[in-house]
Amino acid sequence: MAQVKTLEQRMVAAAQKSARDSDAAKAMREYEAEKIRIDANTERLRALRLEKEATDAKAAAEQAATKTKAPKSKAASRKKEQPPV
């Protein structure tokens, strides 16, 4: 038996399809906007991490340089360790 749809039923179906299509397009725009936001935040955090790592490496290098520049003599360290008589 052939289905016969009235004009009203076809219009309702077309309106529902249009609504689904617009909802899908809206969801895709929201998804893409969220992806852009997340990517921007990731880049910002990566830049902060790299800056911190560079600062930490520089501080460690400076600290190592100061330790090697001023070695203590053994005689000076023995005097500090022995209590006064």
N, C-alpha and C. Protein backbone atom coordinates (compact mmCIF):
# COMPACT_ATOMS: atom_id res chain seq x y z
N MET A 1 0.84 -1.16 0.00
CA MET A 1 0.00 0.00 0.00
C MET A 1 0.89 1.23 0.00
N ALA A 2 0.65 2.14 -0.83
CA ALA A 2 1.45 3.34 -0.96
C ALA A 2 1.06 4.34 0.11
N GLN A 3 2.10 4.95 0.69
CA GLN A 3 1.82 5.96 1.70
C GLN A 3 1.56 7.28 1.00
N VAL A 4 0.54 7.91 1.42
CA VAL A 4 0.20 9.20 0.84
C VAL A 4 0.36 10.23 1.96
N LYS A 5 1.30 11.13 1.76
CA LYS A 5 1.53 12.17 2.77
C LYS A 5 0.82 13.44 2.33
N THR A 6 0.25 14.05 3.28
CA THR A 6 -0.42 15.30 2.97
C THR A 6 0.61 16.40 2.88
N LEU A 7 0.21 17.50 2.37
CA LEU A 7 1.09 18.66 2.26
C LEU A 7 1.57 19.10 3.63
N GLU A 8 0.67 19.05 4.60
CA GLU A 8 1.02 19.46 5.97
C GLU A 8 2.09 18.53 6.54
N GLN A 9 1.98 17.22 6.32
CA GLN A 9 2.96 16.27 6.83
C GLN A 9 4.33 16.50 6.18
N ARG A 10 4.31 16.77 4.88
CA ARG A 10 5.58 17.04 4.19
C ARG A 10 6.22 18.33 4.69
N MET A 11 5.41 19.33 4.98
CA MET A 11 5.95 20.61 5.49
C MET A 11 6.54 20.42 6.89
N VAL A 12 5.85 19.63 7.72
CA VAL A 12 6.36 19.36 9.07
C VAL A 12 7.67 18.59 8.98
N ALA A 13 7.74 17.61 8.11
CA ALA A 13 8.97 16.83 7.95
C ALA A 13 10.10 17.71 7.45
N ALA A 14 9.80 18.59 6.50
CA ALA A 14 10.83 19.49 5.98
C ALA A 14 11.30 20.45 7.07
N ALA A 15 10.40 20.93 7.92
CA ALA A 15 10.78 21.83 9.01
C ALA A 15 11.66 21.10 10.02
N GLN A 16 11.31 19.84 10.32
CA GLN A 16 12.11 19.06 11.26
C GLN A 16 13.51 18.80 10.70
N LYS A 17 13.58 18.48 9.43
CA LYS A 17 14.88 18.25 8.79
C LYS A 17 15.71 19.52 8.80
N SER A 18 15.09 20.64 8.54
CA SER A 18 15.79 21.91 8.56
C SER A 18 16.31 22.22 9.97
N ALA A 19 15.48 21.92 10.98
CA ALA A 19 15.90 22.16 12.36
C ALA A 19 17.08 21.27 12.72
N ARG A 20 17.04 20.00 12.30
CA ARG A 20 18.16 19.08 12.57
C ARG A 20 19.44 19.58 11.90
N ASP A 21 19.30 20.04 10.67
CA ASP A 21 20.46 20.53 9.92
C ASP A 21 21.06 21.77 10.59
N SER A 22 20.19 22.68 11.04
CA SER A 22 20.72 23.89 11.68
C SER A 22 21.33 23.55 13.04
N ASP A 23 20.75 22.59 13.76
CA ASP A 23 21.33 22.15 15.03
C ASP A 23 22.70 21.51 14.81
N ALA A 24 22.82 20.73 13.76
CA ALA A 24 24.10 20.09 13.44
C ALA A 24 25.15 21.14 13.08
N ALA A 25 24.76 22.14 12.31
CA ALA A 25 25.69 23.20 11.94
C ALA A 25 26.12 24.00 13.16
N LYS A 26 25.16 24.27 14.05
CA LYS A 26 25.48 25.00 15.28
C LYS A 26 26.43 24.20 16.16
N ALA A 27 26.17 22.90 16.28
CA ALA A 27 27.03 22.04 17.09
C ALA A 27 28.45 22.00 16.51
N MET A 28 28.56 21.96 15.19
CA MET A 28 29.88 21.94 14.55
C MET A 28 30.62 23.25 14.80
N ARG A 29 29.92 24.38 14.72
CA ARG A 29 30.56 25.68 15.00
C ARG A 29 31.04 25.74 16.44
N GLU A 30 30.21 25.25 17.38
CA GLU A 30 30.61 25.25 18.79
C GLU A 30 31.82 24.34 19.02
N TYR A 31 31.81 23.19 18.37
CA TYR A 31 32.93 22.25 18.50
C TYR A 31 34.22 22.89 17.98
N GLU A 32 34.15 23.52 16.82
CA GLU A 32 35.34 24.15 16.25
C GLU A 32 35.82 25.32 17.09
N ALA A 33 34.89 26.10 17.64
CA ALA A 33 35.27 27.22 18.51
C ALA A 33 35.95 26.71 19.78
N GLU A 34 35.43 25.63 20.34
CA GLU A 34 36.03 25.04 21.53
C GLU A 34 37.42 24.49 21.22
N LYS A 35 37.58 23.88 20.07
CA LYS A 35 38.89 23.36 19.66
C LYS A 35 39.90 24.50 19.52
N ILE A 36 39.48 25.60 18.92
CA ILE A 36 40.37 26.76 18.77
C ILE A 36 40.76 27.30 20.14
N ARG A 37 39.78 27.37 21.06
CA ARG A 37 40.05 27.88 22.41
C ARG A 37 41.04 26.96 23.13
N ILE A 38 40.84 25.67 23.02
CA ILE A 38 41.73 24.71 23.69
C ILE A 38 43.14 24.78 23.09
N ASP A 39 43.22 24.87 21.77
CA ASP A 39 44.54 24.96 21.12
C ASP A 39 45.28 26.23 21.54
N ALA A 40 44.56 27.35 21.66
CA ALA A 40 45.19 28.60 22.08
C ALA A 40 45.70 28.48 23.52
N ASN A 41 44.90 27.86 24.37
CA ASN A 41 45.30 27.70 25.76
C ASN A 41 46.51 26.76 25.86
N THR A 42 46.51 25.71 25.05
CA THR A 42 47.64 24.78 25.05
C THR A 42 48.93 25.50 24.62
N GLU A 43 48.83 26.32 23.60
CA GLU A 43 50.01 27.09 23.14
C GLU A 43 50.50 28.04 24.25
N ARG A 44 49.56 28.69 24.93
CA ARG A 44 49.93 29.61 26.01
C ARG A 44 50.65 28.86 27.12
N LEU A 45 50.09 27.72 27.53
CA LEU A 45 50.71 26.94 28.59
C LEU A 45 52.06 26.37 28.17
N ARG A 46 52.18 25.97 26.91
CA ARG A 46 53.47 25.45 26.40
C ARG A 46 54.53 26.55 26.47
N ALA A 47 54.15 27.76 26.07
CA ALA A 47 55.10 28.88 26.11
C ALA A 47 55.54 29.17 27.54
N LEU A 48 54.58 29.13 28.48
CA LEU A 48 54.93 29.35 29.89
C LEU A 48 55.87 28.26 30.41
N ARG A 49 55.60 27.01 30.03
CA ARG A 49 56.44 25.90 30.49
C ARG A 49 57.85 26.03 29.93
N LEU A 50 57.96 26.34 28.65
CA LEU A 50 59.28 26.48 28.04
C LEU A 50 60.05 27.64 28.66
N GLU A 51 59.36 28.73 28.96
CA GLU A 51 60.00 29.88 29.61
C GLU A 51 60.51 29.49 30.99
N LYS A 52 59.69 28.75 31.75
CA LYS A 52 60.08 28.33 33.09
C LYS A 52 61.26 27.36 33.02
N GLU A 53 61.22 26.43 32.07
CA GLU A 53 62.33 25.49 31.93
C GLU A 53 63.63 26.21 31.58
N ALA A 54 63.55 27.22 30.72
CA ALA A 54 64.74 27.98 30.35
C ALA A 54 65.27 28.75 31.56
N THR A 55 64.37 29.34 32.33
CA THR A 55 64.78 30.08 33.53
C THR A 55 65.42 29.13 34.54
N ASP A 56 64.81 27.96 34.74
CA ASP A 56 65.36 26.98 35.68
C ASP A 56 66.74 26.49 35.22
N ALA A 57 66.89 26.25 33.93
CA ALA A 57 68.17 25.79 33.41
C ALA A 57 69.24 26.86 33.58
N LYS A 58 68.87 28.10 33.34
CA LYS A 58 69.81 29.21 33.50
C LYS A 58 70.22 29.34 34.96
N ALA A 59 69.26 29.23 35.88
CA ALA A 59 69.57 29.33 37.31
C ALA A 59 70.46 28.18 37.75
N ALA A 60 70.20 27.00 37.24
CA ALA A 60 71.02 25.84 37.60
C ALA A 60 72.44 26.01 37.07
N ALA A 61 72.57 26.55 35.87
CA ALA A 61 73.90 26.77 35.29
C ALA A 61 74.66 27.82 36.10
N GLU A 62 73.97 28.87 36.49
CA GLU A 62 74.62 29.91 37.30
C GLU A 62 75.03 29.36 38.66
N GLN A 63 74.16 28.53 39.24
CA GLN A 63 74.48 27.95 40.54
C GLN A 63 75.68 27.01 40.42
N ALA A 64 75.74 26.24 39.38
CA ALA A 64 76.88 25.34 39.17
C ALA A 64 78.15 26.15 38.92
N ALA A 65 78.03 27.26 38.21
CA ALA A 65 79.19 28.09 37.92
C ALA A 65 79.73 28.73 39.20
N THR A 66 78.85 29.15 40.09
CA THR A 66 79.32 29.77 41.34
C THR A 66 79.95 28.73 42.25
N LYS A 67 79.49 27.49 42.20
CA LYS A 67 80.09 26.45 43.03
C LYS A 67 81.50 26.10 42.54
N THR A 68 81.72 26.12 41.26
CA THR A 68 83.04 25.76 40.75
C THR A 68 84.01 26.93 40.79
N LYS A 69 83.52 28.15 40.84
CA LYS A 69 84.41 29.31 40.86
C LYS A 69 85.06 29.53 42.22
N ALA A 70 84.39 29.23 43.28
CA ALA A 70 84.92 29.51 44.61
C ALA A 70 85.07 28.23 45.43
N PRO A 71 86.06 27.42 45.10
CA PRO A 71 86.25 26.21 45.91
C PRO A 71 86.90 26.59 47.24
N LYS A 72 86.48 25.92 48.28
CA LYS A 72 87.04 26.17 49.61
C LYS A 72 88.32 25.36 49.76
N SER A 73 89.27 25.96 50.45
CA SER A 73 90.50 25.22 50.71
C SER A 73 90.27 24.27 51.87
N LYS A 74 91.02 23.20 51.91
CA LYS A 74 90.85 22.21 52.96
C LYS A 74 91.27 22.77 54.32
N ALA A 75 92.24 23.61 54.35
CA ALA A 75 92.71 24.18 55.61
C ALA A 75 91.63 25.07 56.22
N ALA A 76 90.95 25.84 55.41
CA ALA A 76 89.90 26.72 55.93
C ALA A 76 88.74 25.90 56.46
N SER A 77 88.41 24.80 55.82
CA SER A 77 87.29 24.00 56.30
C SER A 77 87.67 23.23 57.57
N ARG A 78 88.94 22.87 57.77
CA ARG A 78 89.36 22.17 58.99
C ARG A 78 89.31 23.12 60.18
N LYS A 79 89.65 24.36 59.99
CA LYS A 79 89.61 25.32 61.10
C LYS A 79 88.20 25.50 61.60
N LYS A 80 87.23 25.49 60.70
CA LYS A 80 85.85 25.67 61.12
C LYS A 80 85.32 24.44 61.86
N GLU A 81 85.81 23.26 61.50
CA GLU A 81 85.30 22.03 62.08
C GLU A 81 85.84 21.80 63.49
N GLN A 82 87.08 22.25 63.80
CA GLN A 82 87.68 22.00 65.10
C GLN A 82 87.19 23.03 66.11
N PRO A 83 86.75 22.55 67.26
CA PRO A 83 86.29 23.48 68.31
C PRO A 83 87.48 24.21 68.92
N PRO A 84 87.26 25.43 69.36
CA PRO A 84 88.37 26.17 69.96
C PRO A 84 88.82 25.52 71.27
N VAL A 85 90.11 25.60 71.57
CA VAL A 85 90.69 24.95 72.75
C VAL A 85 90.77 25.92 73.89
